[in-house]
Amino acid sequence: MVWLSWVCYGLLIIFYIFFLFFFRKPNRALVLDDHAAIAPADGKVILIQEVFEPEYLKERRIQVSIFMNIFNVHINWYPVSGIIEYFKHHNGHFHVASHPKASEKNEHTTVVLNHHGQKILFRQIAGLIARRIVSYAKPNKEVLQCSQCGFIKFGSRVDLLLPLDAKIEVKVGQKVKGAQTLIART
């Protein structure tokens, strides 16, 4: 019986260390560039494609999707500075976040930033394990590029929808660091 207590105690310590690791907030040298969109999350670029955005912008955009596995930092950052023009939380499913339809069907938030008259949209998308999105976005709030906008608990995805004339600086399969990797010139 004593050995069972030690095993349980050991497992609790392992889970505690995992949670500390998962919810870490690293000190980073932020990359600030008023003419660029910086990565809003750590992870791997899984998709770059032209899409029609039906929720708010109602126009064609270039979508850059970043998938975060459970080992990535799950803090999210604003990709550009600006005024939050639109924010909405959508209830939904918790399917695999890397699936192309996850941005429509999974639980997610949509944030639109007005950056010098240019609208930049990004979504925090819950995944299979993720069950909670925390967003600090509030309409009409002015935010700074690379300031923390929230986090997603456990594996998930962030989509960034950029104007068609944005010059994309990343490739599918590339690993990116939030608040540091240049995603596109706007």
N, C-alpha and C. Protein backbone atom coordinates (compact mmCIF):
# COMPACT_ATOMS: atom_id res chain seq x y z
N MET A 1 0.81 -1.20 0.00
CA MET A 1 0.00 0.00 0.00
C MET A 1 0.85 1.26 0.00
N VAL A 2 1.96 1.23 0.70
CA VAL A 2 2.84 2.40 0.74
C VAL A 2 3.38 2.70 -0.66
N TRP A 3 3.73 1.66 -1.40
CA TRP A 3 4.27 1.85 -2.74
C TRP A 3 3.25 2.52 -3.66
N LEU A 4 1.95 2.22 -3.48
CA LEU A 4 0.89 2.83 -4.28
C LEU A 4 0.81 4.33 -4.00
N SER A 5 0.98 4.70 -2.75
CA SER A 5 0.98 6.12 -2.39
C SER A 5 2.14 6.84 -3.07
N TRP A 6 3.32 6.20 -3.09
CA TRP A 6 4.48 6.81 -3.73
C TRP A 6 4.29 6.92 -5.24
N VAL A 7 3.67 5.93 -5.86
CA VAL A 7 3.39 5.98 -7.29
C VAL A 7 2.43 7.13 -7.59
N CYS A 8 1.37 7.25 -6.80
CA CYS A 8 0.40 8.35 -6.98
C CYS A 8 1.08 9.71 -6.78
N TYR A 9 1.89 9.81 -5.76
CA TYR A 9 2.62 11.04 -5.48
C TYR A 9 3.55 11.38 -6.65
N GLY A 10 4.24 10.40 -7.18
CA GLY A 10 5.13 10.60 -8.33
C GLY A 10 4.37 11.07 -9.56
N LEU A 11 3.20 10.47 -9.82
CA LEU A 11 2.38 10.88 -10.96
C LEU A 11 1.89 12.31 -10.81
N LEU A 12 1.51 12.67 -9.59
CA LEU A 12 1.06 14.05 -9.34
C LEU A 12 2.19 15.05 -9.60
N ILE A 13 3.40 14.70 -9.21
CA ILE A 13 4.54 15.58 -9.46
C ILE A 13 4.79 15.71 -10.96
N ILE A 14 4.69 14.61 -11.69
CA ILE A 14 4.88 14.65 -13.14
C ILE A 14 3.82 15.54 -13.80
N PHE A 15 2.55 15.40 -13.41
CA PHE A 15 1.49 16.24 -13.96
C PHE A 15 1.71 17.71 -13.60
N TYR A 16 2.15 17.98 -12.39
CA TYR A 16 2.41 19.35 -11.95
C TYR A 16 3.51 19.97 -12.82
N ILE A 17 4.58 19.24 -13.05
CA ILE A 17 5.68 19.74 -13.89
C ILE A 17 5.19 19.96 -15.32
N PHE A 18 4.37 19.04 -15.85
CA PHE A 18 3.81 19.19 -17.19
C PHE A 18 2.99 20.48 -17.29
N PHE A 19 2.13 20.75 -16.31
CA PHE A 19 1.31 21.95 -16.34
C PHE A 19 2.16 23.21 -16.23
N LEU A 20 3.19 23.20 -15.41
CA LEU A 20 4.11 24.34 -15.34
C LEU A 20 4.78 24.57 -16.69
N PHE A 21 5.22 23.49 -17.32
CA PHE A 21 5.85 23.57 -18.64
C PHE A 21 4.86 24.10 -19.67
N PHE A 22 3.64 23.57 -19.65
CA PHE A 22 2.65 23.93 -20.65
C PHE A 22 2.26 25.40 -20.56
N PHE A 23 2.06 25.92 -19.36
CA PHE A 23 1.59 27.29 -19.19
C PHE A 23 2.74 28.29 -19.00
N ARG A 24 3.92 27.95 -19.51
CA ARG A 24 5.07 28.83 -19.36
C ARG A 24 4.91 30.09 -20.20
N LYS A 25 5.56 31.15 -19.75
CA LYS A 25 5.58 32.41 -20.49
C LYS A 25 7.04 32.80 -20.67
N PRO A 26 7.60 32.52 -21.85
CA PRO A 26 9.02 32.78 -22.05
C PRO A 26 9.32 34.27 -22.21
N ASN A 27 10.50 34.67 -21.78
CA ASN A 27 10.97 36.03 -22.06
C ASN A 27 11.53 36.02 -23.47
N ARG A 28 11.03 36.93 -24.29
CA ARG A 28 11.45 36.97 -25.69
C ARG A 28 11.82 38.38 -26.10
N ALA A 29 12.77 38.47 -27.00
CA ALA A 29 13.07 39.74 -27.64
C ALA A 29 12.01 39.90 -28.73
N LEU A 30 11.08 40.80 -28.53
CA LEU A 30 9.97 40.97 -29.47
C LEU A 30 10.45 41.62 -30.76
N VAL A 31 9.89 41.18 -31.88
CA VAL A 31 10.18 41.77 -33.19
C VAL A 31 9.01 42.69 -33.52
N LEU A 32 9.29 43.97 -33.61
CA LEU A 32 8.26 44.96 -33.92
C LEU A 32 8.54 45.56 -35.29
N ASP A 33 7.53 45.56 -36.15
CA ASP A 33 7.67 46.10 -37.51
C ASP A 33 6.28 46.54 -37.95
N ASP A 34 6.11 47.85 -38.10
CA ASP A 34 4.79 48.40 -38.42
C ASP A 34 4.32 48.02 -39.82
N HIS A 35 5.20 47.48 -40.65
CA HIS A 35 4.84 47.10 -42.02
C HIS A 35 4.84 45.58 -42.19
N ALA A 36 4.66 44.85 -41.09
CA ALA A 36 4.70 43.39 -41.16
C ALA A 36 3.72 42.78 -40.17
N ALA A 37 3.34 41.54 -40.46
CA ALA A 37 2.56 40.73 -39.52
C ALA A 37 3.54 39.73 -38.91
N ILE A 38 3.60 39.71 -37.59
CA ILE A 38 4.50 38.84 -36.86
C ILE A 38 3.69 37.63 -36.37
N ALA A 39 4.32 36.48 -36.24
CA ALA A 39 3.63 35.25 -35.83
C ALA A 39 2.84 35.47 -34.54
N PRO A 40 1.55 35.13 -34.56
CA PRO A 40 0.74 35.25 -33.35
C PRO A 40 0.87 34.06 -32.40
N ALA A 41 1.62 33.02 -32.83
CA ALA A 41 1.74 31.81 -32.01
C ALA A 41 3.00 31.04 -32.38
N ASP A 42 3.45 30.21 -31.44
CA ASP A 42 4.50 29.24 -31.72
C ASP A 42 3.85 28.07 -32.45
N GLY A 43 4.61 27.39 -33.28
CA GLY A 43 4.08 26.19 -33.92
C GLY A 43 4.65 25.99 -35.29
N LYS A 44 3.89 25.28 -36.12
CA LYS A 44 4.32 24.93 -37.47
C LYS A 44 3.28 25.43 -38.46
N VAL A 45 3.73 26.07 -39.53
CA VAL A 45 2.83 26.53 -40.58
C VAL A 45 2.32 25.29 -41.31
N ILE A 46 1.00 25.11 -41.29
CA ILE A 46 0.42 23.92 -41.92
C ILE A 46 -0.37 24.24 -43.18
N LEU A 47 -0.62 25.55 -43.41
CA LEU A 47 -1.45 25.90 -44.56
C LEU A 47 -1.19 27.34 -44.96
N ILE A 48 -1.02 27.57 -46.24
CA ILE A 48 -1.00 28.91 -46.82
C ILE A 48 -1.85 28.81 -48.08
N GLN A 49 -2.98 29.53 -48.07
CA GLN A 49 -3.86 29.45 -49.25
C GLN A 49 -4.76 30.67 -49.32
N GLU A 50 -5.26 30.91 -50.51
CA GLU A 50 -6.23 31.98 -50.70
C GLU A 50 -7.61 31.43 -50.35
N VAL A 51 -8.37 32.16 -49.54
CA VAL A 51 -9.70 31.73 -49.10
C VAL A 51 -10.67 32.91 -49.15
N PHE A 52 -11.95 32.60 -49.11
CA PHE A 52 -12.98 33.63 -48.94
C PHE A 52 -13.34 33.66 -47.47
N GLU A 53 -13.29 34.84 -46.85
CA GLU A 53 -13.61 35.00 -45.42
C GLU A 53 -15.06 35.49 -45.33
N PRO A 54 -16.00 34.62 -44.88
CA PRO A 54 -17.41 34.98 -44.91
C PRO A 54 -17.96 35.67 -43.65
N GLU A 55 -17.25 35.61 -42.54
CA GLU A 55 -17.81 36.09 -41.27
C GLU A 55 -17.86 37.61 -41.17
N TYR A 56 -16.78 38.28 -41.45
CA TYR A 56 -16.72 39.73 -41.23
C TYR A 56 -16.20 40.49 -42.45
N LEU A 57 -15.08 40.05 -43.00
CA LEU A 57 -14.47 40.78 -44.10
C LEU A 57 -15.22 40.60 -45.41
N LYS A 58 -15.78 39.40 -45.59
CA LYS A 58 -16.55 39.06 -46.79
C LYS A 58 -15.77 39.35 -48.08
N GLU A 59 -14.52 38.88 -48.09
CA GLU A 59 -13.67 39.03 -49.26
C GLU A 59 -12.59 37.96 -49.24
N ARG A 60 -11.86 37.85 -50.34
CA ARG A 60 -10.79 36.87 -50.46
C ARG A 60 -9.57 37.37 -49.69
N ARG A 61 -8.89 36.43 -49.02
CA ARG A 61 -7.72 36.72 -48.21
C ARG A 61 -6.71 35.58 -48.35
N ILE A 62 -5.47 35.84 -47.93
CA ILE A 62 -4.47 34.78 -47.83
C ILE A 62 -4.50 34.29 -46.39
N GLN A 63 -4.75 33.01 -46.21
CA GLN A 63 -4.80 32.41 -44.88
C GLN A 63 -3.48 31.70 -44.59
N VAL A 64 -2.89 32.04 -43.44
CA VAL A 64 -1.70 31.35 -42.95
C VAL A 64 -2.13 30.68 -41.64
N SER A 65 -2.05 29.35 -41.58
CA SER A 65 -2.47 28.60 -40.39
C SER A 65 -1.26 28.05 -39.67
N ILE A 66 -1.23 28.24 -38.36
CA ILE A 66 -0.14 27.77 -37.50
C ILE A 66 -0.72 26.77 -36.50
N PHE A 67 -0.20 25.55 -36.54
CA PHE A 67 -0.65 24.50 -35.62
C PHE A 67 0.29 24.43 -34.42
N MET A 68 -0.31 24.43 -33.23
CA MET A 68 0.46 24.34 -31.98
C MET A 68 0.26 22.95 -31.40
N ASN A 69 1.35 22.22 -31.19
CA ASN A 69 1.22 20.94 -30.51
C ASN A 69 1.33 21.16 -29.00
N ILE A 70 1.21 20.12 -28.21
CA ILE A 70 1.18 20.30 -26.75
C ILE A 70 2.52 20.76 -26.18
N PHE A 71 3.58 20.71 -26.97
CA PHE A 71 4.90 21.13 -26.47
C PHE A 71 5.20 22.59 -26.79
N ASN A 72 4.39 23.24 -27.64
CA ASN A 72 4.59 24.64 -27.97
C ASN A 72 4.10 25.54 -26.84
N VAL A 73 4.65 26.75 -26.78
CA VAL A 73 4.10 27.78 -25.89
C VAL A 73 2.72 28.11 -26.44
N HIS A 74 1.72 28.20 -25.58
CA HIS A 74 0.35 28.42 -26.03
C HIS A 74 -0.17 29.83 -25.80
N ILE A 75 0.71 30.74 -25.47
CA ILE A 75 0.36 32.15 -25.42
C ILE A 75 0.20 32.61 -26.86
N ASN A 76 -0.74 33.52 -27.10
CA ASN A 76 -0.91 34.11 -28.42
C ASN A 76 -0.65 35.61 -28.33
N TRP A 77 -0.13 36.16 -29.41
CA TRP A 77 0.23 37.57 -29.47
C TRP A 77 -0.48 38.24 -30.65
N TYR A 78 -0.71 39.56 -30.53
CA TYR A 78 -1.30 40.29 -31.65
C TYR A 78 -0.26 40.39 -32.77
N PRO A 79 -0.65 40.05 -34.01
CA PRO A 79 0.31 40.06 -35.13
C PRO A 79 0.67 41.47 -35.61
N VAL A 80 -0.22 42.42 -35.38
CA VAL A 80 0.00 43.82 -35.77
C VAL A 80 -0.57 44.71 -34.68
N SER A 81 -0.17 45.97 -34.68
CA SER A 81 -0.79 46.97 -33.79
C SER A 81 -2.07 47.46 -34.44
N GLY A 82 -2.98 47.98 -33.63
CA GLY A 82 -4.20 48.56 -34.20
C GLY A 82 -5.32 48.62 -33.19
N ILE A 83 -6.49 48.92 -33.70
CA ILE A 83 -7.72 48.99 -32.90
C ILE A 83 -8.52 47.73 -33.17
N ILE A 84 -9.00 47.09 -32.11
CA ILE A 84 -9.85 45.90 -32.29
C ILE A 84 -11.21 46.37 -32.80
N GLU A 85 -11.48 46.03 -34.04
CA GLU A 85 -12.71 46.44 -34.70
C GLU A 85 -13.84 45.44 -34.47
N TYR A 86 -13.46 44.17 -34.27
CA TYR A 86 -14.47 43.11 -34.15
C TYR A 86 -13.90 41.98 -33.31
N PHE A 87 -14.76 41.45 -32.44
CA PHE A 87 -14.39 40.27 -31.65
C PHE A 87 -15.63 39.41 -31.46
N LYS A 88 -15.48 38.12 -31.65
CA LYS A 88 -16.59 37.20 -31.40
C LYS A 88 -16.05 35.83 -31.01
N HIS A 89 -16.68 35.25 -30.00
CA HIS A 89 -16.38 33.87 -29.58
C HIS A 89 -17.45 32.97 -30.18
N HIS A 90 -17.02 31.87 -30.81
CA HIS A 90 -17.94 30.92 -31.44
C HIS A 90 -17.83 29.59 -30.73
N ASN A 91 -18.95 29.07 -30.24
CA ASN A 91 -18.96 27.71 -29.70
C ASN A 91 -18.85 26.73 -30.87
N GLY A 92 -18.35 25.54 -30.59
CA GLY A 92 -18.22 24.57 -31.66
C GLY A 92 -17.70 23.25 -31.16
N HIS A 93 -17.18 22.47 -32.08
CA HIS A 93 -16.66 21.15 -31.78
C HIS A 93 -15.20 21.23 -31.34
N PHE A 94 -14.64 20.08 -30.99
CA PHE A 94 -13.25 19.99 -30.58
C PHE A 94 -12.57 18.89 -31.40
N HIS A 95 -12.60 19.04 -32.73
CA HIS A 95 -11.94 18.09 -33.62
C HIS A 95 -10.46 18.44 -33.74
N VAL A 96 -9.71 17.64 -34.43
CA VAL A 96 -8.29 17.89 -34.64
C VAL A 96 -8.11 19.27 -35.28
N ALA A 97 -7.31 20.14 -34.65
CA ALA A 97 -7.16 21.52 -35.10
C ALA A 97 -6.43 21.66 -36.43
N SER A 98 -5.66 20.66 -36.82
CA SER A 98 -4.93 20.74 -38.09
C SER A 98 -5.83 20.49 -39.30
N HIS A 99 -7.05 20.01 -39.07
CA HIS A 99 -7.98 19.76 -40.17
C HIS A 99 -8.40 21.09 -40.80
N PRO A 100 -8.46 21.17 -42.15
CA PRO A 100 -8.79 22.43 -42.82
C PRO A 100 -10.11 23.08 -42.37
N LYS A 101 -11.11 22.30 -42.05
CA LYS A 101 -12.42 22.85 -41.65
C LYS A 101 -12.49 23.22 -40.16
N ALA A 102 -11.40 23.02 -39.41
CA ALA A 102 -11.42 23.32 -37.98
C ALA A 102 -11.74 24.78 -37.71
N SER A 103 -11.30 25.69 -38.58
CA SER A 103 -11.55 27.11 -38.35
C SER A 103 -13.03 27.47 -38.46
N GLU A 104 -13.81 26.62 -39.09
CA GLU A 104 -15.25 26.87 -39.21
C GLU A 104 -16.05 26.08 -38.18
N LYS A 105 -15.65 24.83 -37.92
CA LYS A 105 -16.47 23.93 -37.10
C LYS A 105 -16.07 23.87 -35.63
N ASN A 106 -14.78 24.10 -35.34
CA ASN A 106 -14.33 24.01 -33.95
C ASN A 106 -14.64 25.30 -33.19
N GLU A 107 -14.62 25.20 -31.87
CA GLU A 107 -14.75 26.40 -31.05
C GLU A 107 -13.60 27.34 -31.40
N HIS A 108 -13.92 28.64 -31.57
CA HIS A 108 -12.88 29.59 -31.94
C HIS A 108 -13.29 31.02 -31.60
N THR A 109 -12.30 31.90 -31.62
CA THR A 109 -12.56 33.33 -31.52
C THR A 109 -12.11 33.97 -32.82
N THR A 110 -12.77 35.06 -33.19
CA THR A 110 -12.38 35.84 -34.35
C THR A 110 -12.09 37.25 -33.88
N VAL A 111 -10.92 37.78 -34.25
CA VAL A 111 -10.52 39.14 -33.92
C VAL A 111 -10.12 39.84 -35.21
N VAL A 112 -10.66 41.05 -35.42
CA VAL A 112 -10.26 41.86 -36.56
C VAL A 112 -9.61 43.13 -36.03
N LEU A 113 -8.37 43.36 -36.48
CA LEU A 113 -7.63 44.55 -36.09
C LEU A 113 -7.63 45.54 -37.25
N ASN A 114 -7.90 46.81 -36.94
CA ASN A 114 -7.77 47.87 -37.94
C ASN A 114 -6.37 48.43 -37.78
N HIS A 115 -5.51 48.11 -38.74
CA HIS A 115 -4.09 48.50 -38.71
C HIS A 115 -3.87 49.55 -39.79
N HIS A 116 -3.96 50.83 -39.41
CA HIS A 116 -3.79 51.94 -40.35
C HIS A 116 -4.76 51.83 -41.52
N GLY A 117 -6.01 51.46 -41.25
CA GLY A 117 -7.03 51.35 -42.29
C GLY A 117 -7.07 49.99 -42.96
N GLN A 118 -6.10 49.15 -42.69
CA GLN A 118 -6.05 47.80 -43.26
C GLN A 118 -6.57 46.82 -42.21
N LYS A 119 -7.47 45.93 -42.61
CA LYS A 119 -8.05 44.98 -41.66
C LYS A 119 -7.27 43.66 -41.69
N ILE A 120 -6.83 43.23 -40.50
CA ILE A 120 -6.12 41.97 -40.33
C ILE A 120 -6.98 41.11 -39.40
N LEU A 121 -7.34 39.91 -39.85
CA LEU A 121 -8.18 39.02 -39.05
C LEU A 121 -7.34 37.84 -38.58
N PHE A 122 -7.55 37.45 -37.31
CA PHE A 122 -6.94 36.19 -36.86
C PHE A 122 -7.91 35.45 -35.96
N ARG A 123 -7.76 34.13 -35.97
CA ARG A 123 -8.63 33.25 -35.19
C ARG A 123 -7.80 32.38 -34.28
N GLN A 124 -8.27 32.22 -33.05
CA GLN A 124 -7.73 31.23 -32.12
C GLN A 124 -8.69 30.06 -32.21
N ILE A 125 -8.18 28.86 -32.50
CA ILE A 125 -9.04 27.71 -32.75
C ILE A 125 -8.71 26.58 -31.77
N ALA A 126 -9.74 26.11 -31.07
CA ALA A 126 -9.56 25.00 -30.14
C ALA A 126 -9.34 23.71 -30.93
N GLY A 127 -8.69 22.74 -30.30
CA GLY A 127 -8.40 21.48 -30.97
C GLY A 127 -9.01 20.30 -30.26
N LEU A 128 -8.50 19.13 -30.58
CA LEU A 128 -9.00 17.87 -30.03
C LEU A 128 -8.85 17.83 -28.51
N ILE A 129 -7.71 18.26 -28.01
CA ILE A 129 -7.46 18.24 -26.57
C ILE A 129 -7.84 19.58 -25.95
N ALA A 130 -7.68 20.66 -26.72
CA ALA A 130 -7.98 22.00 -26.20
C ALA A 130 -9.46 22.12 -25.89
N ARG A 131 -9.76 22.68 -24.77
CA ARG A 131 -11.16 22.87 -24.39
C ARG A 131 -11.44 24.30 -23.97
N ARG A 132 -10.43 25.15 -24.01
CA ARG A 132 -10.66 26.51 -23.54
C ARG A 132 -9.76 27.48 -24.27
N ILE A 133 -10.38 28.52 -24.82
CA ILE A 133 -9.67 29.63 -25.44
C ILE A 133 -9.84 30.82 -24.51
N VAL A 134 -8.73 31.46 -24.19
CA VAL A 134 -8.77 32.68 -23.38
C VAL A 134 -8.33 33.81 -24.29
N SER A 135 -9.18 34.83 -24.44
CA SER A 135 -8.84 35.98 -25.28
C SER A 135 -9.04 37.24 -24.46
N TYR A 136 -8.09 38.16 -24.60
CA TYR A 136 -8.18 39.45 -23.89
C TYR A 136 -8.73 40.54 -24.79
N ALA A 137 -9.17 40.19 -26.00
CA ALA A 137 -9.65 41.17 -26.98
C ALA A 137 -10.98 41.78 -26.54
N LYS A 138 -11.07 43.09 -26.70
CA LYS A 138 -12.31 43.82 -26.45
C LYS A 138 -12.46 44.85 -27.57
N PRO A 139 -13.66 44.92 -28.18
CA PRO A 139 -13.85 45.88 -29.28
C PRO A 139 -13.47 47.30 -28.86
N ASN A 140 -12.89 48.03 -29.82
CA ASN A 140 -12.44 49.42 -29.68
C ASN A 140 -11.19 49.60 -28.82
N LYS A 141 -10.60 48.51 -28.36
CA LYS A 141 -9.37 48.59 -27.57
C LYS A 141 -8.18 48.73 -28.52
N GLU A 142 -7.26 49.62 -28.19
CA GLU A 142 -6.03 49.75 -28.97
C GLU A 142 -5.01 48.76 -28.42
N VAL A 143 -4.37 48.02 -29.33
CA VAL A 143 -3.40 47.00 -28.91
C VAL A 143 -2.08 47.21 -29.66
N LEU A 144 -1.02 46.73 -29.07
CA LEU A 144 0.30 46.83 -29.67
C LEU A 144 0.73 45.50 -30.26
N GLN A 145 1.44 45.56 -31.36
CA GLN A 145 1.99 44.38 -32.00
C GLN A 145 2.83 43.61 -30.98
N CYS A 146 2.68 42.30 -30.96
CA CYS A 146 3.42 41.38 -30.09
C CYS A 146 3.03 41.48 -28.63
N SER A 147 1.96 42.21 -28.30
CA SER A 147 1.46 42.16 -26.93
C SER A 147 0.57 40.92 -26.82
N GLN A 148 0.47 40.38 -25.62
CA GLN A 148 -0.25 39.12 -25.42
C GLN A 148 -1.74 39.34 -25.62
N CYS A 149 -2.36 38.48 -26.46
CA CYS A 149 -3.79 38.60 -26.72
C CYS A 149 -4.60 37.48 -26.08
N GLY A 150 -3.92 36.51 -25.48
CA GLY A 150 -4.62 35.40 -24.84
C GLY A 150 -3.80 34.13 -24.97
N PHE A 151 -4.48 32.99 -24.76
CA PHE A 151 -3.83 31.70 -24.93
C PHE A 151 -4.88 30.63 -25.15
N ILE A 152 -4.42 29.50 -25.65
CA ILE A 152 -5.31 28.36 -25.88
C ILE A 152 -4.73 27.21 -25.08
N LYS A 153 -5.56 26.62 -24.25
CA LYS A 153 -5.08 25.55 -23.39
C LYS A 153 -4.97 24.24 -24.17
N PHE A 154 -3.76 23.73 -24.27
CA PHE A 154 -3.39 22.49 -24.96
C PHE A 154 -3.38 22.68 -26.47
N GLY A 155 -3.18 21.61 -27.26
CA GLY A 155 -2.94 21.73 -28.70
C GLY A 155 -4.04 22.45 -29.45
N SER A 156 -3.69 23.29 -30.40
CA SER A 156 -4.65 24.09 -31.12
C SER A 156 -4.04 24.74 -32.35
N ARG A 157 -4.71 25.80 -32.85
CA ARG A 157 -4.29 26.43 -34.11
C ARG A 157 -4.65 27.90 -34.10
N VAL A 158 -3.88 28.68 -34.83
CA VAL A 158 -4.19 30.09 -35.06
C VAL A 158 -4.16 30.32 -36.56
N ASP A 159 -5.22 30.95 -37.08
CA ASP A 159 -5.28 31.34 -38.49
C ASP A 159 -5.10 32.84 -38.58
N LEU A 160 -4.33 33.28 -39.55
CA LEU A 160 -4.10 34.69 -39.81
C LEU A 160 -4.57 34.94 -41.23
N LEU A 161 -5.52 35.88 -41.42
CA LEU A 161 -6.05 36.18 -42.75
C LEU A 161 -5.58 37.56 -43.16
N LEU A 162 -4.74 37.57 -44.19
CA LEU A 162 -4.03 38.77 -44.63
C LEU A 162 -4.55 39.23 -45.98
N PRO A 163 -4.34 40.52 -46.32
CA PRO A 163 -4.74 41.01 -47.64
C PRO A 163 -4.04 40.23 -48.76
N LEU A 164 -4.67 40.17 -49.91
CA LEU A 164 -4.12 39.41 -51.04
C LEU A 164 -2.77 39.94 -51.51
N ASP A 165 -2.50 41.22 -51.26
CA ASP A 165 -1.22 41.77 -51.72
C ASP A 165 -0.10 41.63 -50.68
N ALA A 166 -0.38 40.95 -49.56
CA ALA A 166 0.66 40.73 -48.54
C ALA A 166 1.74 39.81 -49.12
N LYS A 167 2.98 40.10 -48.79
CA LYS A 167 4.10 39.27 -49.25
C LYS A 167 4.41 38.25 -48.15
N ILE A 168 4.03 37.01 -48.37
CA ILE A 168 4.19 35.96 -47.37
C ILE A 168 5.67 35.59 -47.27
N GLU A 169 6.18 35.53 -46.04
CA GLU A 169 7.61 35.29 -45.78
C GLU A 169 7.88 33.92 -45.17
N VAL A 170 6.84 33.08 -45.03
CA VAL A 170 7.02 31.73 -44.47
C VAL A 170 6.56 30.69 -45.47
N LYS A 171 6.89 29.44 -45.20
CA LYS A 171 6.51 28.32 -46.07
C LYS A 171 5.80 27.25 -45.24
N VAL A 172 4.97 26.46 -45.89
CA VAL A 172 4.31 25.33 -45.21
C VAL A 172 5.39 24.40 -44.67
N GLY A 173 5.23 23.98 -43.43
CA GLY A 173 6.19 23.10 -42.78
C GLY A 173 7.21 23.85 -41.92
N GLN A 174 7.27 25.16 -42.08
CA GLN A 174 8.23 25.97 -41.32
C GLN A 174 7.77 26.13 -39.87
N LYS A 175 8.70 26.03 -38.93
CA LYS A 175 8.40 26.29 -37.52
C LYS A 175 8.54 27.79 -37.28
N VAL A 176 7.59 28.34 -36.51
CA VAL A 176 7.59 29.78 -36.22
C VAL A 176 7.52 30.00 -34.72
N LYS A 177 8.00 31.17 -34.29
CA LYS A 177 7.94 31.56 -32.88
C LYS A 177 7.07 32.80 -32.76
N GLY A 178 6.09 32.73 -31.87
CA GLY A 178 5.21 33.86 -31.64
C GLY A 178 5.98 35.08 -31.18
N ALA A 179 5.58 36.25 -31.71
CA ALA A 179 6.17 37.56 -31.39
C ALA A 179 7.59 37.70 -31.91
N GLN A 180 8.04 36.73 -32.75
CA GLN A 180 9.41 36.82 -33.28
C GLN A 180 9.51 36.56 -34.78
N THR A 181 8.75 35.62 -35.32
CA THR A 181 8.91 35.25 -36.73
C THR A 181 8.05 36.15 -37.62
N LEU A 182 8.67 36.71 -38.64
CA LEU A 182 7.98 37.52 -39.63
C LEU A 182 7.13 36.60 -40.50
N ILE A 183 5.83 36.81 -40.53
CA ILE A 183 4.91 36.01 -41.33
C ILE A 183 4.72 36.63 -42.71
N ALA A 184 4.50 37.95 -42.75
CA ALA A 184 4.24 38.61 -44.03
C ALA A 184 4.54 40.10 -43.95
N ARG A 185 4.87 40.66 -45.07
CA ARG A 185 4.97 42.12 -45.24
C ARG A 185 3.58 42.58 -45.66
N THR A 186 3.06 43.60 -44.98
CA THR A 186 1.70 44.07 -45.28
C THR A 186 1.72 45.40 -46.02
